[in-house]
N, C-alpha and C. Protein backbone atom coordinates (compact mmCIF):
# COMPACT_ATOMS: atom_id res chain seq x y z
N MET A 1 76.61 -18.99 -94.44
CA MET A 1 76.92 -18.49 -93.11
C MET A 1 76.30 -19.43 -92.09
N LYS A 2 77.13 -19.99 -91.26
CA LYS A 2 76.66 -20.91 -90.24
C LYS A 2 76.37 -20.16 -88.94
N LEU A 3 75.33 -20.59 -88.28
CA LEU A 3 74.95 -20.00 -87.01
C LEU A 3 75.47 -20.90 -85.89
N THR A 4 76.28 -20.34 -85.04
CA THR A 4 76.81 -21.13 -83.92
C THR A 4 76.04 -20.80 -82.66
N MET A 5 76.24 -21.60 -81.64
CA MET A 5 75.51 -21.40 -80.38
C MET A 5 75.97 -20.15 -79.64
N ASN A 6 77.15 -19.64 -79.95
CA ASN A 6 77.68 -18.47 -79.26
C ASN A 6 77.09 -17.17 -79.77
N GLU A 7 76.52 -17.18 -80.98
CA GLU A 7 75.97 -15.96 -81.54
C GLU A 7 74.59 -15.68 -80.94
N PRO A 8 74.35 -14.42 -80.59
CA PRO A 8 73.03 -14.09 -80.03
C PRO A 8 71.95 -14.14 -81.12
N MET A 9 70.77 -14.59 -80.72
CA MET A 9 69.65 -14.65 -81.65
C MET A 9 68.55 -13.72 -81.17
N VAL A 10 67.85 -13.14 -82.11
CA VAL A 10 66.74 -12.26 -81.79
C VAL A 10 65.44 -13.07 -81.86
N LYS A 11 64.68 -13.02 -80.80
CA LYS A 11 63.39 -13.72 -80.77
C LYS A 11 62.38 -12.83 -81.47
N ARG A 12 61.91 -13.27 -82.62
CA ARG A 12 61.03 -12.43 -83.41
C ARG A 12 59.56 -12.57 -83.00
N PHE A 13 59.11 -13.80 -82.80
CA PHE A 13 57.73 -14.06 -82.43
C PHE A 13 57.68 -15.01 -81.25
N SER A 14 56.68 -14.82 -80.41
CA SER A 14 56.51 -15.70 -79.26
C SER A 14 55.81 -16.99 -79.69
N LYS A 15 55.90 -18.02 -78.85
CA LYS A 15 55.26 -19.30 -79.15
C LYS A 15 53.74 -19.17 -79.33
N PRO A 16 53.02 -18.46 -78.42
CA PRO A 16 51.57 -18.31 -78.63
C PRO A 16 51.24 -17.62 -79.95
N PHE A 17 52.06 -16.66 -80.36
CA PHE A 17 51.82 -15.96 -81.62
C PHE A 17 51.99 -16.91 -82.80
N ILE A 18 53.02 -17.74 -82.76
CA ILE A 18 53.26 -18.71 -83.84
C ILE A 18 52.14 -19.74 -83.90
N ILE A 19 51.74 -20.25 -82.73
CA ILE A 19 50.67 -21.25 -82.69
C ILE A 19 49.36 -20.65 -83.20
N SER A 20 49.04 -19.44 -82.77
CA SER A 20 47.80 -18.82 -83.22
C SER A 20 47.84 -18.53 -84.72
N HIS A 21 49.01 -18.20 -85.24
CA HIS A 21 49.14 -17.96 -86.67
C HIS A 21 48.82 -19.23 -87.46
N TRP A 22 49.36 -20.37 -87.05
CA TRP A 22 49.14 -21.61 -87.78
C TRP A 22 47.71 -22.12 -87.62
N ILE A 23 47.09 -21.88 -86.47
CA ILE A 23 45.68 -22.24 -86.29
C ILE A 23 44.83 -21.43 -87.27
N GLN A 24 45.13 -20.15 -87.38
CA GLN A 24 44.36 -19.30 -88.27
C GLN A 24 44.61 -19.66 -89.74
N ALA A 25 45.84 -19.99 -90.09
CA ALA A 25 46.14 -20.39 -91.46
C ALA A 25 45.41 -21.68 -91.84
N PHE A 26 45.45 -22.67 -90.95
CA PHE A 26 44.75 -23.93 -91.21
C PHE A 26 43.24 -23.71 -91.34
N SER A 27 42.67 -22.93 -90.43
CA SER A 27 41.23 -22.73 -90.48
C SER A 27 40.82 -21.91 -91.70
N PHE A 28 41.66 -20.99 -92.15
CA PHE A 28 41.35 -20.21 -93.36
C PHE A 28 41.27 -21.12 -94.58
N ILE A 29 42.25 -22.02 -94.70
CA ILE A 29 42.24 -22.96 -95.83
C ILE A 29 41.03 -23.89 -95.74
N ALA A 30 40.73 -24.36 -94.54
CA ALA A 30 39.56 -25.23 -94.36
C ALA A 30 38.26 -24.48 -94.66
N LEU A 31 38.17 -23.21 -94.26
CA LEU A 31 36.99 -22.41 -94.59
C LEU A 31 36.84 -22.24 -96.10
N TYR A 32 37.94 -22.01 -96.77
CA TYR A 32 37.91 -21.85 -98.22
C TYR A 32 37.42 -23.13 -98.90
N ILE A 33 37.97 -24.26 -98.48
CA ILE A 33 37.60 -25.54 -99.10
C ILE A 33 36.14 -25.88 -98.81
N THR A 34 35.68 -25.66 -97.57
CA THR A 34 34.29 -26.00 -97.25
C THR A 34 33.31 -25.00 -97.84
N ALA A 35 33.76 -23.81 -98.21
CA ALA A 35 32.85 -22.80 -98.79
C ALA A 35 32.64 -23.02 -100.29
N LEU A 36 33.57 -23.67 -100.95
CA LEU A 36 33.45 -23.85 -102.40
C LEU A 36 32.15 -24.52 -102.82
N PRO A 37 31.77 -25.67 -102.26
CA PRO A 37 30.50 -26.26 -102.70
C PRO A 37 29.28 -25.47 -102.24
N LEU A 38 29.41 -24.70 -101.18
CA LEU A 38 28.30 -23.87 -100.72
C LEU A 38 28.10 -22.67 -101.64
N TYR A 39 29.18 -22.26 -102.28
CA TYR A 39 29.17 -21.05 -103.11
C TYR A 39 28.68 -21.31 -104.53
N SER A 40 29.10 -22.43 -105.11
CA SER A 40 28.82 -22.66 -106.52
C SER A 40 28.45 -24.12 -106.79
N GLU A 41 27.57 -24.32 -107.75
CA GLU A 41 27.18 -25.66 -108.16
C GLU A 41 28.33 -26.40 -108.83
N PHE A 42 29.29 -25.66 -109.37
CA PHE A 42 30.43 -26.26 -110.04
C PHE A 42 31.22 -27.17 -109.10
N PHE A 43 31.23 -26.83 -107.81
CA PHE A 43 31.98 -27.59 -106.82
C PHE A 43 31.10 -28.55 -106.02
N SER A 44 29.92 -28.85 -106.51
CA SER A 44 29.02 -29.73 -105.76
C SER A 44 29.58 -31.15 -105.62
N TRP A 45 30.53 -31.54 -106.45
CA TRP A 45 31.17 -32.84 -106.32
C TRP A 45 31.92 -32.96 -104.99
N MET A 46 32.24 -31.84 -104.36
CA MET A 46 32.95 -31.87 -103.08
C MET A 46 32.06 -32.33 -101.93
N TYR A 47 30.73 -32.27 -102.14
CA TYR A 47 29.82 -32.77 -101.11
C TYR A 47 30.05 -34.26 -100.85
N VAL A 48 30.44 -34.99 -101.89
CA VAL A 48 30.70 -36.43 -101.74
C VAL A 48 31.89 -36.62 -100.79
N ILE A 49 32.89 -35.77 -100.91
CA ILE A 49 34.07 -35.86 -100.05
C ILE A 49 33.71 -35.51 -98.61
N MET A 50 32.86 -34.49 -98.44
CA MET A 50 32.50 -34.03 -97.10
C MET A 50 31.36 -34.82 -96.48
N GLY A 51 30.68 -35.60 -97.27
CA GLY A 51 29.59 -36.41 -96.73
C GLY A 51 28.24 -35.98 -97.25
N SER A 52 27.87 -34.73 -96.98
CA SER A 52 26.59 -34.19 -97.43
C SER A 52 26.63 -32.66 -97.31
N PRO A 53 25.64 -31.98 -97.88
CA PRO A 53 25.61 -30.51 -97.72
C PRO A 53 25.49 -30.07 -96.26
N GLU A 54 24.76 -30.84 -95.46
CA GLU A 54 24.62 -30.50 -94.04
C GLU A 54 25.97 -30.61 -93.33
N THR A 55 26.71 -31.65 -93.65
CA THR A 55 28.03 -31.83 -93.05
C THR A 55 28.97 -30.70 -93.47
N ALA A 56 28.89 -30.29 -94.72
CA ALA A 56 29.72 -29.18 -95.19
C ALA A 56 29.40 -27.89 -94.44
N ARG A 57 28.12 -27.65 -94.18
CA ARG A 57 27.72 -26.45 -93.45
C ARG A 57 28.23 -26.49 -92.00
N VAL A 58 28.10 -27.66 -91.38
CA VAL A 58 28.58 -27.81 -90.00
C VAL A 58 30.10 -27.63 -89.94
N LEU A 59 30.80 -28.24 -90.87
CA LEU A 59 32.26 -28.08 -90.92
C LEU A 59 32.64 -26.62 -91.12
N HIS A 60 31.93 -25.95 -92.02
CA HIS A 60 32.23 -24.54 -92.31
C HIS A 60 32.03 -23.68 -91.06
N ARG A 61 30.95 -23.92 -90.35
CA ARG A 61 30.69 -23.14 -89.12
C ARG A 61 31.71 -23.47 -88.02
N THR A 62 32.12 -24.73 -87.94
CA THR A 62 33.12 -25.13 -86.95
C THR A 62 34.46 -24.45 -87.24
N PHE A 63 34.87 -24.45 -88.51
CA PHE A 63 36.13 -23.80 -88.86
C PHE A 63 36.04 -22.28 -88.70
N ALA A 64 34.84 -21.72 -88.82
CA ALA A 64 34.68 -20.28 -88.58
C ALA A 64 34.94 -19.93 -87.11
N VAL A 65 34.48 -20.80 -86.21
CA VAL A 65 34.76 -20.59 -84.79
C VAL A 65 36.25 -20.76 -84.51
N ILE A 66 36.86 -21.78 -85.12
CA ILE A 66 38.30 -22.00 -84.95
C ILE A 66 39.10 -20.83 -85.52
N PHE A 67 38.59 -20.19 -86.58
CA PHE A 67 39.26 -19.04 -87.17
C PHE A 67 39.36 -17.87 -86.18
N LEU A 68 38.40 -17.76 -85.28
CA LEU A 68 38.40 -16.69 -84.29
C LEU A 68 39.21 -17.04 -83.04
N LEU A 69 39.56 -18.29 -82.88
CA LEU A 69 40.27 -18.76 -81.70
C LEU A 69 41.63 -18.09 -81.46
N PRO A 70 42.45 -17.80 -82.47
CA PRO A 70 43.77 -17.21 -82.22
C PRO A 70 43.73 -15.88 -81.46
N ILE A 71 42.72 -15.07 -81.69
CA ILE A 71 42.64 -13.81 -80.95
C ILE A 71 42.43 -14.08 -79.47
N ILE A 72 41.61 -15.07 -79.16
CA ILE A 72 41.38 -15.44 -77.76
C ILE A 72 42.66 -16.01 -77.15
N ILE A 73 43.37 -16.84 -77.92
CA ILE A 73 44.63 -17.41 -77.43
C ILE A 73 45.62 -16.29 -77.11
N LEU A 74 45.72 -15.33 -78.00
CA LEU A 74 46.66 -14.23 -77.76
C LEU A 74 46.22 -13.34 -76.60
N LEU A 75 44.92 -13.12 -76.44
CA LEU A 75 44.45 -12.33 -75.30
C LEU A 75 44.78 -13.00 -73.98
N ILE A 76 44.71 -14.31 -73.94
CA ILE A 76 44.97 -15.03 -72.70
C ILE A 76 46.47 -15.20 -72.44
N PHE A 77 47.22 -15.64 -73.46
CA PHE A 77 48.60 -16.05 -73.24
C PHE A 77 49.66 -15.01 -73.62
N ASP A 78 49.34 -14.10 -74.53
CA ASP A 78 50.36 -13.15 -74.98
C ASP A 78 49.74 -11.80 -75.33
N ARG A 79 49.14 -11.18 -74.35
CA ARG A 79 48.44 -9.91 -74.55
C ARG A 79 49.36 -8.82 -75.07
N LYS A 80 50.58 -8.77 -74.57
CA LYS A 80 51.54 -7.75 -74.97
C LYS A 80 51.83 -7.83 -76.48
N SER A 81 52.03 -9.03 -76.97
CA SER A 81 52.30 -9.23 -78.39
C SER A 81 51.10 -8.85 -79.25
N LEU A 82 49.89 -9.17 -78.79
CA LEU A 82 48.68 -8.83 -79.53
C LEU A 82 48.52 -7.31 -79.64
N PHE A 83 48.71 -6.60 -78.54
CA PHE A 83 48.55 -5.15 -78.58
C PHE A 83 49.66 -4.48 -79.38
N HIS A 84 50.86 -5.06 -79.35
CA HIS A 84 51.94 -4.55 -80.19
C HIS A 84 51.60 -4.71 -81.67
N TRP A 85 51.06 -5.87 -82.02
CA TRP A 85 50.65 -6.11 -83.40
C TRP A 85 49.53 -5.16 -83.82
N LEU A 86 48.53 -4.96 -82.94
CA LEU A 86 47.43 -4.04 -83.25
C LEU A 86 47.94 -2.61 -83.44
N LYS A 87 48.92 -2.22 -82.63
CA LYS A 87 49.49 -0.89 -82.77
C LYS A 87 50.19 -0.73 -84.12
N GLN A 88 50.89 -1.77 -84.56
CA GLN A 88 51.55 -1.73 -85.86
C GLN A 88 50.54 -1.67 -87.01
N VAL A 89 49.40 -2.33 -86.83
CA VAL A 89 48.40 -2.36 -87.89
C VAL A 89 47.78 -0.99 -88.10
N VAL A 90 47.52 -0.24 -87.04
CA VAL A 90 46.83 1.03 -87.15
C VAL A 90 47.76 2.24 -87.18
N THR A 91 49.06 2.02 -87.25
CA THR A 91 50.01 3.13 -87.29
C THR A 91 50.61 3.24 -88.69
N TRP A 92 50.54 4.45 -89.25
CA TRP A 92 51.14 4.69 -90.56
C TRP A 92 52.29 5.65 -90.39
N LYS A 93 53.45 5.26 -90.88
CA LYS A 93 54.63 6.12 -90.78
C LYS A 93 55.21 6.29 -92.18
N LYS A 94 55.71 7.48 -92.40
CA LYS A 94 56.37 7.75 -93.67
C LYS A 94 57.80 7.24 -93.58
N LYS A 95 58.22 6.44 -94.56
CA LYS A 95 59.58 5.88 -94.51
C LYS A 95 60.55 6.76 -95.24
């Protein structure tokens, strides 16, 4: 099925919501990778990639701050979408 320019499209997510989603996804993966050598000695070889244990800790804390950034982005640029999402999260309906 081809989509032509004449057919109406439904806008599902706003640009700030999409951007904040990808920022959070990237920071989650980065937090996971930087936490591995901090969590277990098995992954201590990753310190060589990151530079040192101190660098890994700094990177982990930096990505933790970036992980919280999307909520601030949505509060500033797309408050309506954020509150709509929060309403969906805390509402349970029987289908």
